[in-house]
Amino acid sequence: MSDLAFQAERALWLLSIWALPVVLAVTMHEAAHGWTAARLGDTTARDMGRVTLNPLPHIDPFGTVILPLLCIISPLPLVFGYARPVPVNIARLGAPRRDMMLVAVAGPAANVMLCVISALLLGLVPLVPDVMAVWMANTLQCSIILNAVLAVFNMLPVPPLDGGRIVTGLLPPALAIRYARLGRYGILLILAVLILPPLVGDLLRLDLDFLWPLLVFPIEGLIGLVMALAGA
């Protein structure tokens, strides 16, 4: 097999085991935000058709497709992505500051739930025909990793990530308004800090990766906890 054919086959294999986990992870994450908001009084997302398991309304071309693919082919140790943010009208929430924090934490909670379900399903792999067993095991492992990454990554205390929204809800009103304004640049700053140093370091043959190791510890801890709970 030529090197080009091998690379094409590898790319197709990676796409086949990552596509379903990525779509489910970002879809459930955003739908959970919208569902929680509706339960707390704001039906904006539900009225716009965003409280759905149909992935199409949630897909962001860059965050759901391009970014995860870039992570897969890059030297980054982890894969992550994001979907179109679910609209929330904070004025329609019963207790705006508290409810906004609950809406925020619902997304990562959905990813933890998918992580647990994927770990439980690993126990069914021996019951699957051999021709599908390897693909199923790899897909479920990708789902566990991806959902753990999204749960931890989204809890970083930087707007507009969910962790930033929780911090905003805990701050005094005047300070919360200023902190929330960081959301205009927060995601770009985080992506730059996560992606650029490893890429530059790979070119210069230097270890410039300083933030990923800080994320790896809680991610691995979450994966270990989930696997233990699932008995996998």
Protein backbone atom coordinates (compact mmCIF):
# COMPACT_ATOMS: atom_id res chain seq x y z
CA MET A 1 0.00 0.00 0.00
CA SER A 2 1.37 3.41 -0.99
CA ASP A 3 1.94 6.08 1.64
CA LEU A 4 -0.81 8.23 0.09
CA ALA A 5 -3.29 5.36 0.19
CA PHE A 6 -2.32 4.60 3.78
CA GLN A 7 -2.86 8.22 4.81
CA ALA A 8 -6.24 8.31 3.05
CA GLU A 9 -7.31 5.08 4.74
CA ARG A 10 -6.19 6.40 8.13
CA ALA A 11 -8.07 9.66 7.60
CA LEU A 12 -11.27 7.80 6.72
CA TRP A 13 -10.89 5.57 9.78
CA LEU A 14 -10.40 8.56 12.09
CA LEU A 15 -13.38 10.29 10.54
CA SER A 16 -15.54 7.19 11.02
CA ILE A 17 -14.74 6.84 14.75
CA TRP A 18 -14.88 10.55 15.61
CA ALA A 19 -17.85 11.80 13.57
CA LEU A 20 -20.65 10.30 15.70
CA PRO A 21 -19.08 11.25 19.06
CA VAL A 22 -18.51 14.85 17.92
CA VAL A 23 -22.05 15.29 16.60
CA LEU A 24 -23.67 13.71 19.68
CA ALA A 25 -21.46 15.59 22.14
CA VAL A 26 -22.10 19.07 20.78
CA THR A 27 -25.78 18.37 20.08
CA MET A 28 -26.51 17.10 23.58
CA HIS A 29 -24.49 19.91 25.13
CA GLU A 30 -26.46 22.67 23.41
CA ALA A 31 -29.84 20.92 23.70
CA ALA A 32 -29.24 20.58 27.45
CA HIS A 33 -28.71 24.35 27.72
CA GLY A 34 -31.97 25.02 25.88
CA TRP A 35 -33.96 22.39 27.78
CA THR A 36 -32.80 23.73 31.14
CA ALA A 37 -33.57 27.32 30.14
CA ALA A 38 -37.09 26.28 29.10
CA ARG A 39 -37.63 24.54 32.44
CA LEU A 40 -36.57 27.72 34.20
CA GLY A 41 -38.89 30.02 32.23
CA ASP A 42 -37.07 31.02 29.04
CA THR A 43 -38.46 29.19 26.00
CA THR A 44 -36.40 31.17 23.46
CA ALA A 45 -34.24 28.21 22.44
CA ARG A 46 -37.22 25.82 22.36
CA ASP A 47 -39.23 28.25 20.22
CA MET A 48 -36.30 28.40 17.78
CA GLY A 49 -36.13 24.62 17.49
CA ARG A 50 -32.86 24.32 19.40
CA VAL A 51 -34.09 21.90 22.06
CA THR A 52 -33.66 18.95 19.73
CA LEU A 53 -31.38 15.98 19.15
CA ASN A 54 -31.33 16.85 15.44
CA PRO A 55 -27.71 18.00 15.01
CA LEU A 56 -28.34 20.34 12.06
CA PRO A 57 -29.66 23.33 14.08
CA HIS A 58 -26.65 23.07 16.42
CA ILE A 59 -23.83 22.67 13.91
CA ASP A 60 -21.29 25.46 13.63
CA PRO A 61 -19.20 24.92 10.45
CA PHE A 62 -15.94 25.84 12.16
CA GLY A 63 -16.50 24.66 15.72
CA THR A 64 -18.30 21.39 14.94
CA VAL A 65 -16.47 20.32 11.78
CA ILE A 66 -13.25 22.17 10.98
CA LEU A 67 -11.84 22.62 14.50
CA PRO A 68 -12.17 18.95 15.56
CA LEU A 69 -10.58 17.86 12.26
CA LEU A 70 -7.70 20.30 12.80
CA CYS A 71 -7.21 18.87 16.28
CA ILE A 72 -7.17 15.31 14.93
CA ILE A 73 -4.47 16.02 12.32
CA SER A 74 -2.45 18.39 14.55
CA PRO A 75 0.07 17.44 17.28
CA LEU A 76 -2.46 18.44 19.96
CA PRO A 77 -2.98 15.68 22.54
CA LEU A 78 -6.77 16.16 22.69
CA VAL A 79 -9.74 16.82 20.43
CA PHE A 80 -12.47 19.35 21.10
CA GLY A 81 -15.08 21.45 19.32
CA TYR A 82 -18.18 23.50 19.89
CA ALA A 83 -21.62 24.15 18.41
CA ARG A 84 -23.75 27.21 17.75
CA PRO A 85 -24.51 28.78 21.15
CA VAL A 86 -28.09 28.36 22.33
CA PRO A 87 -29.83 31.75 22.77
CA VAL A 88 -30.92 32.50 26.33
CA ASN A 89 -33.02 35.54 27.30
CA ILE A 90 -31.88 36.08 30.86
CA ALA A 91 -34.76 38.49 31.51
CA ARG A 92 -37.25 35.63 31.15
CA LEU A 93 -35.60 33.48 33.81
CA GLY A 94 -37.26 33.40 37.23
CA ALA A 95 -34.06 34.04 39.20
CA PRO A 96 -31.71 35.33 36.48
CA ARG A 97 -28.33 35.02 38.19
CA ARG A 98 -29.00 31.60 39.75
CA ASP A 99 -30.86 30.22 36.74
CA MET A 100 -28.17 31.34 34.30
CA MET A 101 -25.64 29.33 36.28
CA LEU A 102 -27.92 26.28 36.12
CA VAL A 103 -28.32 26.72 32.37
CA ALA A 104 -24.54 26.97 32.03
CA VAL A 105 -23.75 23.83 34.03
CA ALA A 106 -26.36 21.78 32.09
CA GLY A 107 -24.09 21.54 29.02
CA PRO A 108 -21.06 20.01 30.75
CA ALA A 109 -23.44 17.79 32.77
CA ALA A 110 -24.82 16.41 29.49
CA ASN A 111 -21.27 15.61 28.36
CA VAL A 112 -20.56 13.78 31.62
CA MET A 113 -23.76 11.79 31.09
CA LEU A 114 -22.66 10.82 27.55
CA CYS A 115 -19.27 9.88 28.97
CA VAL A 116 -20.92 7.50 31.44
CA ILE A 117 -23.25 6.01 28.80
CA SER A 118 -20.32 5.41 26.45
CA ALA A 119 -18.36 3.68 29.22
CA LEU A 120 -21.34 1.45 30.01
CA LEU A 121 -21.75 0.54 26.33
CA LEU A 122 -18.14 -0.64 26.22
CA GLY A 123 -19.34 -3.63 28.18
CA LEU A 124 -21.45 -4.68 25.19
CA VAL A 125 -18.52 -4.77 22.74
CA PRO A 126 -17.80 -8.51 23.33
CA LEU A 127 -21.39 -9.24 22.25
CA VAL A 128 -20.95 -7.50 18.88
CA PRO A 129 -19.76 -9.40 15.76
CA ASP A 130 -16.00 -9.13 15.28
CA VAL A 131 -16.38 -7.10 12.11
CA MET A 132 -18.01 -4.28 14.12
CA ALA A 133 -16.38 -4.77 17.53
CA VAL A 134 -13.18 -2.84 16.81
CA TRP A 135 -15.05 0.10 15.30
CA MET A 136 -17.56 0.18 18.16
CA ALA A 137 -14.84 0.03 20.83
CA ASN A 138 -12.84 2.81 19.20
CA THR A 139 -15.91 5.00 18.67
CA LEU A 140 -16.98 4.61 22.31
CA GLN A 141 -13.46 5.37 23.50
CA CYS A 142 -13.45 8.51 21.35
CA SER A 143 -16.82 9.47 22.85
CA ILE A 144 -15.48 9.06 26.38
CA ILE A 145 -12.42 11.16 25.65
CA LEU A 146 -14.28 13.87 23.73
CA ASN A 147 -17.06 14.29 26.28
CA ALA A 148 -14.57 14.42 29.15
CA VAL A 149 -12.61 17.10 27.26
CA LEU A 150 -15.74 19.16 26.56
CA ALA A 151 -16.97 18.87 30.15
CA VAL A 152 -13.65 20.09 31.58
CA PHE A 153 -12.87 22.61 28.83
CA ASN A 154 -16.26 24.29 29.08
CA MET A 155 -15.86 24.72 32.82
CA LEU A 156 -12.82 26.97 32.38
CA PRO A 157 -13.75 30.22 34.17
CA VAL A 158 -13.54 32.39 31.07
CA PRO A 159 -16.57 33.86 29.24
CA PRO A 160 -18.26 32.83 27.02
CA LEU A 161 -17.52 29.29 28.23
CA ASP A 162 -19.94 27.78 30.73
CA GLY A 163 -17.47 28.14 33.56
CA GLY A 164 -17.22 31.85 32.78
CA ARG A 165 -20.99 32.19 32.96
CA ILE A 166 -20.98 30.51 36.37
CA VAL A 167 -18.30 32.91 37.62
CA THR A 168 -20.33 35.82 36.22
CA GLY A 169 -23.33 34.66 38.23
CA LEU A 170 -21.27 34.56 41.42
CA LEU A 171 -19.72 38.03 41.06
CA PRO A 172 -21.32 41.25 42.32
CA PRO A 173 -23.51 42.80 39.57
CA ALA A 174 -21.15 45.64 38.60
CA LEU A 175 -18.14 43.34 38.37
CA ALA A 176 -20.19 40.64 36.65
CA ILE A 177 -21.06 43.02 33.79
CA ARG A 178 -17.39 43.84 33.22
CA TYR A 179 -16.36 40.21 33.43
CA ALA A 180 -19.06 39.13 30.97
CA ARG A 181 -17.64 41.55 28.39
CA LEU A 182 -14.56 39.35 28.15
CA GLY A 183 -16.77 36.95 26.21
CA ARG A 184 -16.10 38.94 23.03
CA TYR A 185 -12.49 37.78 23.05
CA GLY A 186 -12.42 34.90 25.54
CA ILE A 187 -12.81 31.98 23.15
CA LEU A 188 -10.24 33.40 20.70
CA LEU A 189 -7.75 33.91 23.52
CA ILE A 190 -8.26 30.38 24.86
CA LEU A 191 -7.92 28.79 21.42
CA ALA A 192 -4.78 30.83 20.74
CA VAL A 193 -3.22 29.75 24.05
CA LEU A 194 -4.20 26.10 23.50
CA ILE A 195 -3.36 25.70 19.82
CA LEU A 196 -0.53 28.08 18.90
CA PRO A 197 2.15 27.10 21.46
CA PRO A 198 2.08 23.36 20.61
CA LEU A 199 2.13 24.10 16.88
CA VAL A 200 4.99 26.59 17.16
CA GLY A 201 6.84 24.29 19.54
CA ASP A 202 6.49 21.41 17.09
CA LEU A 203 8.09 23.54 14.37
CA LEU A 204 10.91 24.73 16.64
CA ARG A 205 11.33 21.35 18.34
CA LEU A 206 10.63 22.96 21.72
CA ASP A 207 8.12 22.11 24.42
CA LEU A 208 5.94 25.23 24.53
CA ASP A 209 2.82 23.41 25.67
CA PHE A 210 1.93 24.76 29.13
CA LEU A 211 -1.89 24.83 29.33
CA TRP A 212 -2.77 21.38 27.98
CA PRO A 213 -1.01 19.58 30.88
CA LEU A 214 -3.19 21.54 33.31
CA LEU A 215 -6.31 20.31 31.51
CA VAL A 216 -5.09 16.73 31.10
CA PHE A 217 -5.10 16.07 34.86
CA PRO A 218 -8.83 16.77 35.48
CA ILE A 219 -9.76 15.16 32.14
CA GLU A 220 -7.93 11.95 33.00
CA GLY A 221 -9.42 12.07 36.49
CA LEU A 222 -12.94 12.35 35.07
CA ILE A 223 -12.33 9.50 32.64
CA GLY A 224 -10.95 7.31 35.41
CA LEU A 225 -13.95 8.05 37.64
CA VAL A 226 -16.44 7.34 34.84
CA MET A 227 -14.73 4.08 33.90
CA ALA A 228 -14.68 2.98 37.53
CA LEU A 229 -18.38 3.79 38.00
CA ALA A 230 -19.23 1.90 34.81
CA GLY A 231 -17.12 -1.06 35.86
CA ALA A 232 -15.27 -0.86 32.56
